[in-house]
Amino acid sequence: MRWQVQEAKQKFSEVLRLAEAEGPQVVTRHGDEVAVVIDIREYRRLKGEEMDLRDYLLQGPTIEGLEIDRSTEPTRAVDFGGDR
């Protein structure tokens, strides 16, 4: 969608919402394209800053100091209903 500068200023929240939901929003001044408002995820992708799954997971919390208590009882038998 195209927005004149004055309209984009008045409806900035809508411009942002549409950039996120529908894609880039072009801003014009005197009919000339002067700017594009894009979703932050698209900006990061274009800059090459988008993380892959591995990097995303590595930035998560660590398990240092995590204490897990496990039962020492034997596991139960499971009947699969066949001749296994």
PDB file of N, CA and C in Angstrom:
ATOM      1  N   MET A   1       0.838  -1.180   0.000  1.00  0.00           N
ATOM      2  CA  MET A   1       0.000   0.000   0.000  1.00  0.00           C
ATOM      3  C   MET A   1       0.883   1.243   0.000  1.00  0.00           C
ATOM      4  N   ARG A   2       0.378   2.311  -0.552  1.00  0.00           N
ATOM      5  CA  ARG A   2       1.121   3.575  -0.616  1.00  0.00           C
ATOM      6  C   ARG A   2       0.471   4.599   0.306  1.00  0.00           C
ATOM      7  N   TRP A   3       1.292   5.326   1.008  1.00  0.00           N
ATOM      8  CA  TRP A   3       0.836   6.354   1.946  1.00  0.00           C
ATOM      9  C   TRP A   3       1.555   7.663   1.651  1.00  0.00           C
ATOM     10  N   GLN A   4       0.824   8.757   1.635  1.00  0.00           N
ATOM     11  CA  GLN A   4       1.464  10.066   1.588  1.00  0.00           C
ATOM     12  C   GLN A   4       2.017  10.331   2.982  1.00  0.00           C
ATOM     13  N   VAL A   5       3.088  11.085   3.079  1.00  0.00           N
ATOM     14  CA  VAL A   5       3.751  11.329   4.364  1.00  0.00           C
ATOM     15  C   VAL A   5       2.757  11.782   5.423  1.00  0.00           C
ATOM     16  N   GLN A   6       1.941  12.773   5.104  1.00  0.00           N
ATOM     17  CA  GLN A   6       1.009  13.316   6.089  1.00  0.00           C
ATOM     18  C   GLN A   6       0.042  12.244   6.578  1.00  0.00           C
ATOM     19  N   GLU A   7      -0.480  11.437   5.671  1.00  0.00           N
ATOM     20  CA  GLU A   7      -1.408  10.372   6.049  1.00  0.00           C
ATOM     21  C   GLU A   7      -0.696   9.306   6.878  1.00  0.00           C
ATOM     22  N   ALA A   8       0.534   8.967   6.506  1.00  0.00           N
ATOM     23  CA  ALA A   8       1.311   7.977   7.254  1.00  0.00           C
ATOM     24  C   ALA A   8       1.561   8.458   8.681  1.00  0.00           C
ATOM     25  N   LYS A   9       1.810   9.752   8.848  1.00  0.00           N
ATOM     26  CA  LYS A   9       2.013  10.314  10.186  1.00  0.00           C
ATOM     27  C   LYS A   9       0.734  10.210  11.006  1.00  0.00           C
ATOM     28  N   GLN A  10      -0.382  10.533  10.401  1.00  0.00           N
ATOM     29  CA  GLN A  10      -1.662  10.520  11.114  1.00  0.00           C
ATOM     30  C   GLN A  10      -2.110   9.103  11.469  1.00  0.00           C
ATOM     31  N   LYS A  11      -1.754   8.145  10.631  1.00  0.00           N
ATOM     32  CA  LYS A  11      -2.212   6.772  10.821  1.00  0.00           C
ATOM     33  C   LYS A  11      -1.036   5.817  11.030  1.00  0.00           C
ATOM     34  N   PHE A  12      -0.053   6.268  11.781  1.00  0.00           N
ATOM     35  CA  PHE A  12       1.172   5.496  11.942  1.00  0.00           C
ATOM     36  C   PHE A  12       0.923   4.100  12.508  1.00  0.00           C
ATOM     37  N   SER A  13       0.045   3.986  13.490  1.00  0.00           N
ATOM     38  CA  SER A  13      -0.264   2.672  14.065  1.00  0.00           C
ATOM     39  C   SER A  13      -0.810   1.727  13.007  1.00  0.00           C
ATOM     40  N   GLU A  14      -1.660   2.241  12.143  1.00  0.00           N
ATOM     41  CA  GLU A  14      -2.213   1.418  11.068  1.00  0.00           C
ATOM     42  C   GLU A  14      -1.135   1.022  10.070  1.00  0.00           C
ATOM     43  N   VAL A  15      -0.242   1.951   9.756  1.00  0.00           N
ATOM     44  CA  VAL A  15       0.871   1.651   8.851  1.00  0.00           C
ATOM     45  C   VAL A  15       1.700   0.500   9.426  1.00  0.00           C
ATOM     46  N   LEU A  16       2.000   0.568  10.720  1.00  0.00           N
ATOM     47  CA  LEU A  16       2.782  -0.482  11.364  1.00  0.00           C
ATOM     48  C   LEU A  16       2.040  -1.810  11.350  1.00  0.00           C
ATOM     49  N   ARG A  17       0.760  -1.789  11.672  1.00  0.00           N
ATOM     50  CA  ARG A  17      -0.046  -3.008  11.696  1.00  0.00           C
ATOM     51  C   ARG A  17      -0.065  -3.667  10.314  1.00  0.00           C
ATOM     52  N   LEU A  18      -0.271  -2.854   9.285  1.00  0.00           N
ATOM     53  CA  LEU A  18      -0.324  -3.386   7.928  1.00  0.00           C
ATOM     54  C   LEU A  18       1.048  -3.893   7.457  1.00  0.00           C
ATOM     55  N   ALA A  19       2.114  -3.229   7.879  1.00  0.00           N
ATOM     56  CA  ALA A  19       3.462  -3.699   7.518  1.00  0.00           C
ATOM     57  C   ALA A  19       3.698  -5.089   8.096  1.00  0.00           C
ATOM     58  N   GLU A  20       3.213  -5.298   9.304  1.00  0.00           N
ATOM     59  CA  GLU A  20       3.379  -6.597   9.952  1.00  0.00           C
ATOM     60  C   GLU A  20       2.461  -7.652   9.333  1.00  0.00           C
ATOM     61  N   ALA A  21       1.232  -7.283   9.042  1.00  0.00           N
ATOM     62  CA  ALA A  21       0.234  -8.253   8.572  1.00  0.00           C
ATOM     63  C   ALA A  21       0.265  -8.489   7.067  1.00  0.00           C
ATOM     64  N   GLU A  22       0.518  -7.435   6.285  1.00  0.00           N
ATOM     65  CA  GLU A  22       0.358  -7.547   4.833  1.00  0.00           C
ATOM     66  C   GLU A  22       1.633  -7.312   4.026  1.00  0.00           C
ATOM     67  N   GLY A  23       2.655  -6.772   4.675  1.00  0.00           N
ATOM     68  CA  GLY A  23       3.901  -6.558   3.953  1.00  0.00           C
ATOM     69  C   GLY A  23       4.279  -5.088   3.880  1.00  0.00           C
ATOM     70  N   PRO A  24       5.308  -4.777   3.106  1.00  0.00           N
ATOM     71  CA  PRO A  24       5.861  -3.428   3.041  1.00  0.00           C
ATOM     72  C   PRO A  24       4.828  -2.354   2.713  1.00  0.00           C
ATOM     73  N   GLN A  25       4.986  -1.199   3.377  1.00  0.00           N
ATOM     74  CA  GLN A  25       4.133  -0.035   3.174  1.00  0.00           C
ATOM     75  C   GLN A  25       5.016   1.093   2.637  1.00  0.00           C
ATOM     76  N   VAL A  26       4.689   1.596   1.463  1.00  0.00           N
ATOM     77  CA  VAL A  26       5.493   2.626   0.803  1.00  0.00           C
ATOM     78  C   VAL A  26       4.985   4.009   1.209  1.00  0.00           C
ATOM     79  N   VAL A  27       5.915   4.879   1.567  1.00  0.00           N
ATOM     80  CA  VAL A  27       5.577   6.265   1.936  1.00  0.00           C
ATOM     81  C   VAL A  27       6.070   7.185   0.821  1.00  0.00           C
ATOM     82  N   THR A  28       5.193   8.090   0.399  1.00  0.00           N
ATOM     83  CA  THR A  28       5.547   9.017  -0.684  1.00  0.00           C
ATOM     84  C   THR A  28       5.482  10.463  -0.211  1.00  0.00           C
ATOM     85  N   ARG A  29       6.257  11.312  -0.899  1.00  0.00           N
ATOM     86  CA  ARG A  29       6.212  12.760  -0.670  1.00  0.00           C
ATOM     87  C   ARG A  29       6.151  13.409  -2.047  1.00  0.00           C
ATOM     88  N   HIS A  30       5.107  14.143  -2.266  1.00  0.00           N
ATOM     89  CA  HIS A  30       4.885  14.792  -3.565  1.00  0.00           C
ATOM     90  C   HIS A  30       4.919  13.772  -4.703  1.00  0.00           C
ATOM     91  N   GLY A  31       4.402  12.569  -4.426  1.00  0.00           N
ATOM     92  CA  GLY A  31       4.326  11.526  -5.441  1.00  0.00           C
ATOM     93  C   GLY A  31       5.572  10.678  -5.601  1.00  0.00           C
ATOM     94  N   ASP A  32       6.678  11.077  -4.948  1.00  0.00           N
ATOM     95  CA  ASP A  32       7.917  10.310  -5.040  1.00  0.00           C
ATOM     96  C   ASP A  32       8.042   9.362  -3.853  1.00  0.00           C
ATOM     97  N   GLU A  33       8.417   8.129  -4.112  1.00  0.00           N
ATOM     98  CA  GLU A  33       8.630   7.165  -3.033  1.00  0.00           C
ATOM     99  C   GLU A  33       9.859   7.575  -2.229  1.00  0.00           C
ATOM    100  N   VAL A  34       9.683   7.713  -0.906  1.00  0.00           N
ATOM    101  CA  VAL A  34      10.796   8.162  -0.065  1.00  0.00           C
ATOM    102  C   VAL A  34      11.167   7.168   1.030  1.00  0.00           C
ATOM    103  N   ALA A  35      10.260   6.250   1.363  1.00  0.00           N
ATOM    104  CA  ALA A  35      10.551   5.307   2.436  1.00  0.00           C
ATOM    105  C   ALA A  35       9.643   4.095   2.315  1.00  0.00           C
ATOM    106  N   VAL A  36      10.071   3.036   2.990  1.00  0.00           N
ATOM    107  CA  VAL A  36       9.269   1.821   3.080  1.00  0.00           C
ATOM    108  C   VAL A  36       9.260   1.383   4.535  1.00  0.00           C
ATOM    109  N   VAL A  37       8.089   1.099   5.054  1.00  0.00           N
ATOM    110  CA  VAL A  37       7.956   0.569   6.407  1.00  0.00           C
ATOM    111  C   VAL A  37       7.762  -0.937   6.263  1.00  0.00           C
ATOM    112  N   ILE A  38       8.677  -1.703   6.896  1.00  0.00           N
ATOM    113  CA  ILE A  38       8.597  -3.158   6.816  1.00  0.00           C
ATOM    114  C   ILE A  38       8.605  -3.763   8.211  1.00  0.00           C
ATOM    115  N   ASP A  39       8.129  -4.978   8.299  1.00  0.00           N
ATOM    116  CA  ASP A  39       8.114  -5.735   9.539  1.00  0.00           C
ATOM    117  C   ASP A  39       9.556  -5.992   9.999  1.00  0.00           C
ATOM    118  N   ILE A  40       9.778  -5.982  11.308  1.00  0.00           N
ATOM    119  CA  ILE A  40      11.127  -6.159  11.846  1.00  0.00           C
ATOM    120  C   ILE A  40      11.732  -7.498  11.448  1.00  0.00           C
ATOM    121  N   ARG A  41      10.918  -8.545  11.348  1.00  0.00           N
ATOM    122  CA  ARG A  41      11.444  -9.852  10.936  1.00  0.00           C
ATOM    123  C   ARG A  41      11.985  -9.791   9.503  1.00  0.00           C
ATOM    124  N   GLU A  42      11.258  -9.087   8.636  1.00  0.00           N
ATOM    125  CA  GLU A  42      11.719  -8.946   7.251  1.00  0.00           C
ATOM    126  C   GLU A  42      13.014  -8.134   7.205  1.00  0.00           C
ATOM    127  N   TYR A  43      13.091  -7.074   8.004  1.00  0.00           N
ATOM    128  CA  TYR A  43      14.306  -6.259   8.073  1.00  0.00           C
ATOM    129  C   TYR A  43      15.502  -7.105   8.493  1.00  0.00           C
ATOM    130  N   ARG A  44      15.319  -7.905   9.544  1.00  0.00           N
ATOM    131  CA  ARG A  44      16.418  -8.746  10.024  1.00  0.00           C
ATOM    132  C   ARG A  44      16.811  -9.787   8.982  1.00  0.00           C
ATOM    133  N   ARG A  45      15.818 -10.328   8.274  1.00  0.00           N
ATOM    134  CA  ARG A  45      16.119 -11.301   7.220  1.00  0.00           C
ATOM    135  C   ARG A  45      16.943 -10.649   6.116  1.00  0.00           C
ATOM    136  N   LEU A  46      16.546  -9.443   5.719  1.00  0.00           N
ATOM    137  CA  LEU A  46      17.263  -8.736   4.662  1.00  0.00           C
ATOM    138  C   LEU A  46      18.690  -8.379   5.072  1.00  0.00           C
ATOM    139  N   LYS A  47      18.890  -8.080   6.339  1.00  0.00           N
ATOM    140  CA  LYS A  47      20.230  -7.742   6.831  1.00  0.00           C
ATOM    141  C   LYS A  47      21.072  -8.967   7.114  1.00  0.00           C
ATOM    142  N   GLY A  48      20.449 -10.152   7.002  1.00  0.00           N
ATOM    143  CA  GLY A  48      21.176 -11.375   7.290  1.00  0.00           C
ATOM    144  C   GLY A  48      21.302 -11.648   8.775  1.00  0.00           C
ATOM    145  N   GLU A  49      20.460 -11.016   9.584  1.00  0.00           N
ATOM    146  CA  GLU A  49      20.522 -11.186  11.029  1.00  0.00           C
ATOM    147  C   GLU A  49      19.573 -12.265  11.541  1.00  0.00           C
ATOM    148  N   GLU A  50      18.794 -12.842  10.644  1.00  0.00           N
ATOM    149  CA  GLU A  50      17.833 -13.856  11.072  1.00  0.00           C
ATOM    150  C   GLU A  50      18.594 -15.080  11.572  1.00  0.00           C
ATOM    151  N   MET A  51      18.202 -15.558  12.736  1.00  0.00           N
ATOM    152  CA  MET A  51      18.875 -16.707  13.322  1.00  0.00           C
ATOM    153  C   MET A  51      18.303 -18.000  12.772  1.00  0.00           C
ATOM    154  N   ASP A  52      19.182 -18.983  12.623  1.00  0.00           N
ATOM    155  CA  ASP A  52      18.670 -20.300  12.286  1.00  0.00           C
ATOM    156  C   ASP A  52      18.290 -21.000  13.595  1.00  0.00           C
ATOM    157  N   LEU A  53      17.655 -22.148  13.489  1.00  0.00           N
ATOM    158  CA  LEU A  53      17.159 -22.854  14.662  1.00  0.00           C
ATOM    159  C   LEU A  53      18.275 -23.163  15.648  1.00  0.00           C
ATOM    160  N   ARG A  54      19.420 -23.567  15.149  1.00  0.00           N
ATOM    161  CA  ARG A  54      20.546 -23.900  16.028  1.00  0.00           C
ATOM    162  C   ARG A  54      20.952 -22.704  16.888  1.00  0.00           C
ATOM    163  N   ASP A  55      21.141 -21.544  16.261  1.00  0.00           N
ATOM    164  CA  ASP A  55      21.539 -20.350  17.004  1.00  0.00           C
ATOM    165  C   ASP A  55      20.456 -19.923  17.992  1.00  0.00           C
ATOM    166  N   TYR A  56      19.202 -20.022  17.581  1.00  0.00           N
ATOM    167  CA  TYR A  56      18.085 -19.675  18.465  1.00  0.00           C
ATOM    168  C   TYR A  56      18.107 -20.544  19.723  1.00  0.00           C
ATOM    169  N   LEU A  57      18.279 -21.852  19.537  1.00  0.00           N
ATOM    170  CA  LEU A  57      18.298 -22.758  20.682  1.00  0.00           C
ATOM    171  C   LEU A  57      19.513 -22.527  21.571  1.00  0.00           C
ATOM    172  N   LEU A  58      20.644 -22.200  20.961  1.00  0.00           N
ATOM    173  CA  LEU A  58      21.853 -21.957  21.751  1.00  0.00           C
ATOM    174  C   LEU A  58      21.746 -20.694  22.596  1.00  0.00           C
ATOM    175  N   GLN A  59      20.880 -19.776  22.227  1.00  0.00           N
ATOM    176  CA  GLN A  59      20.702 -18.554  23.012  1.00  0.00           C
ATOM    177  C   GLN A  59      19.758 -18.752  24.186  1.00  0.00           C
ATOM    178  N   GLY A  60      19.144 -19.919  24.279  1.00  0.00           N
ATOM    179  CA  GLY A  60      18.199 -20.200  25.359  1.00  0.00           C
ATOM    180  C   GLY A  60      18.913 -20.408  26.680  1.00  0.00           C
ATOM    181  N   PRO A  61      18.153 -20.673  27.725  1.00  0.00           N
ATOM    182  CA  PRO A  61      18.755 -20.884  29.042  1.00  0.00           C
ATOM    183  C   PRO A  61      19.597 -22.156  29.066  1.00  0.00           C
ATOM    184  N   THR A  62      20.600 -22.165  29.901  1.00  0.00           N
ATOM    185  CA  THR A  62      21.456 -23.342  30.035  1.00  0.00           C
ATOM    186  C   THR A  62      20.876 -24.267  31.097  1.00  0.00           C
ATOM    187  N   ILE A  63      21.406 -25.476  31.161  1.00  0.00           N
ATOM    188  CA  ILE A  63      20.927 -26.423  32.169  1.00  0.00           C
ATOM    189  C   ILE A  63      21.870 -26.479  33.376  1.00  0.00           C
ATOM    190  N   GLU A  64      22.835 -25.578  33.412  1.00  0.00           N
ATOM    191  CA  GLU A  64      23.740 -25.535  34.550  1.00  0.00           C
ATOM    192  C   GLU A  64      22.935 -25.255  35.817  1.00  0.00           C
ATOM    193  N   GLY A  65      23.199 -26.028  36.837  1.00  0.00           N
ATOM    194  CA  GLY A  65      22.506 -25.841  38.102  1.00  0.00           C
ATOM    195  C   GLY A  65      21.134 -26.499  38.147  1.00  0.00           C
ATOM    196  N   LEU A  66      20.698 -27.093  37.051  1.00  0.00           N
ATOM    197  CA  LEU A  66      19.405 -27.763  37.018  1.00  0.00           C
ATOM    198  C   LEU A  66      19.533 -29.114  37.702  1.00  0.00           C
ATOM    199  N   GLU A  67      18.687 -29.361  38.682  1.00  0.00           N
ATOM    200  CA  GLU A  67      18.708 -30.639  39.385  1.00  0.00           C
ATOM    201  C   GLU A  67      17.453 -31.407  39.022  1.00  0.00           C
ATOM    202  N   ILE A  68      17.655 -32.633  38.565  1.00  0.00           N
ATOM    203  CA  ILE A  68      16.535 -33.477  38.178  1.00  0.00           C
ATOM    204  C   ILE A  68      16.547 -34.710  39.071  1.00  0.00           C
ATOM    205  N   ASP A  69      15.457 -34.924  39.782  1.00  0.00           N
ATOM    206  CA  ASP A  69      15.320 -36.110  40.626  1.00  0.00           C
ATOM    207  C   ASP A  69      14.571 -37.174  39.844  1.00  0.00           C
ATOM    208  N   ARG A  70      15.144 -38.369  39.790  1.00  0.00           N
ATOM    209  CA  ARG A  70      14.511 -39.478  39.097  1.00  0.00           C
ATOM    210  C   ARG A  70      14.205 -40.580  40.098  1.00  0.00           C
ATOM    211  N   SER A  71      13.122 -41.254  39.844  1.00  0.00           N
ATOM    212  CA  SER A  71      12.725 -42.372  40.685  1.00  0.00           C
ATOM    213  C   SER A  71      13.715 -43.518  40.493  1.00  0.00           C
ATOM    214  N   THR A  72      14.008 -44.215  41.577  1.00  0.00           N
ATOM    215  CA  THR A  72      14.897 -45.376  41.496  1.00  0.00           C
ATOM    216  C   THR A  72      14.105 -46.665  41.351  1.00  0.00           C
ATOM    217  N   GLU A  73      12.772 -46.560  41.330  1.00  0.00           N
ATOM    218  CA  GLU A  73      11.934 -47.751  41.185  1.00  0.00           C
ATOM    219  C   GLU A  73      12.048 -48.291  39.767  1.00  0.00           C
ATOM    220  N   PRO A  74      11.905 -49.635  39.625  1.00  0.00           N
ATOM    221  CA  PRO A  74      11.966 -50.212  38.280  1.00  0.00           C
ATOM    222  C   PRO A  74      10.791 -49.744  37.424  1.00  0.00           C
ATOM    223  N   THR A  75      10.995 -49.756  36.126  1.00  0.00           N
ATOM    224  CA  THR A  75       9.921 -49.331  35.226  1.00  0.00           C
ATOM    225  C   THR A  75       8.839 -50.393  35.184  1.00  0.00           C
ATOM    226  N   ARG A  76       7.645 -50.015  34.762  1.00  0.00           N
ATOM    227  CA  ARG A  76       6.540 -50.969  34.701  1.00  0.00           C
ATOM    228  C   ARG A  76       6.542 -51.660  33.339  1.00  0.00           C
ATOM    229  N   ALA A  77       6.008 -52.859  33.325  1.00  0.00           N
ATOM    230  CA  ALA A  77       5.898 -53.623  32.085  1.00  0.00           C
ATOM    231  C   ALA A  77       4.725 -53.083  31.267  1.00  0.00           C
ATOM    232  N   VAL A  78       4.893 -53.050  29.965  1.00  0.00           N
ATOM    233  CA  VAL A  78       3.841 -52.560  29.076  1.00  0.00           C
ATOM    234  C   VAL A  78       3.390 -53.724  28.200  1.00  0.00           C
ATOM    235  N   ASP A  79       2.078 -53.976  28.178  1.00  0.00           N
ATOM    236  CA  ASP A  79       1.522 -55.042  27.355  1.00  0.00           C
ATOM    237  C   ASP A  79       1.106 -54.441  26.017  1.00  0.00           C
ATOM    238  N   PHE A  80       1.739 -54.869  24.935  1.00  0.00           N
ATOM    239  CA  PHE A  80       1.425 -54.360  23.609  1.00  0.00           C
ATOM    240  C   PHE A  80       0.299 -55.136  22.946  1.00  0.00           C
ATOM    241  N   GLY A  81      -0.251 -56.126  23.625  1.00  0.00           N
ATOM    242  CA  GLY A  81      -1.399 -56.860  23.111  1.00  0.00           C
ATOM    243  C   GLY A  81      -1.076 -57.785  21.969  1.00  0.00           C
ATOM    244  N   GLY A  82       0.104 -58.307  21.900  1.00  0.00           N
ATOM    245  CA  GLY A  82       0.468 -59.220  20.817  1.00  0.00           C
ATOM    246  C   GLY A  82       1.523 -60.195  21.269  1.00  0.00           C
ATOM    247  N   ASP A  83       2.056 -60.928  20.335  1.00  0.00           N
ATOM    248  CA  ASP A  83       3.113 -61.909  20.637  1.00  0.00           C
ATOM    249  C   ASP A  83       4.469 -61.278  20.404  1.00  0.00           C
ATOM    250  N   ARG A  84       4.867 -60.439  21.236  1.00  0.00           N
ATOM    251  CA  ARG A  84       6.168 -59.775  21.057  1.00  0.00           C
ATOM    252  C   ARG A  84       7.191 -60.323  21.969  1.00  0.00           C
TER     253      ARG A  84
END
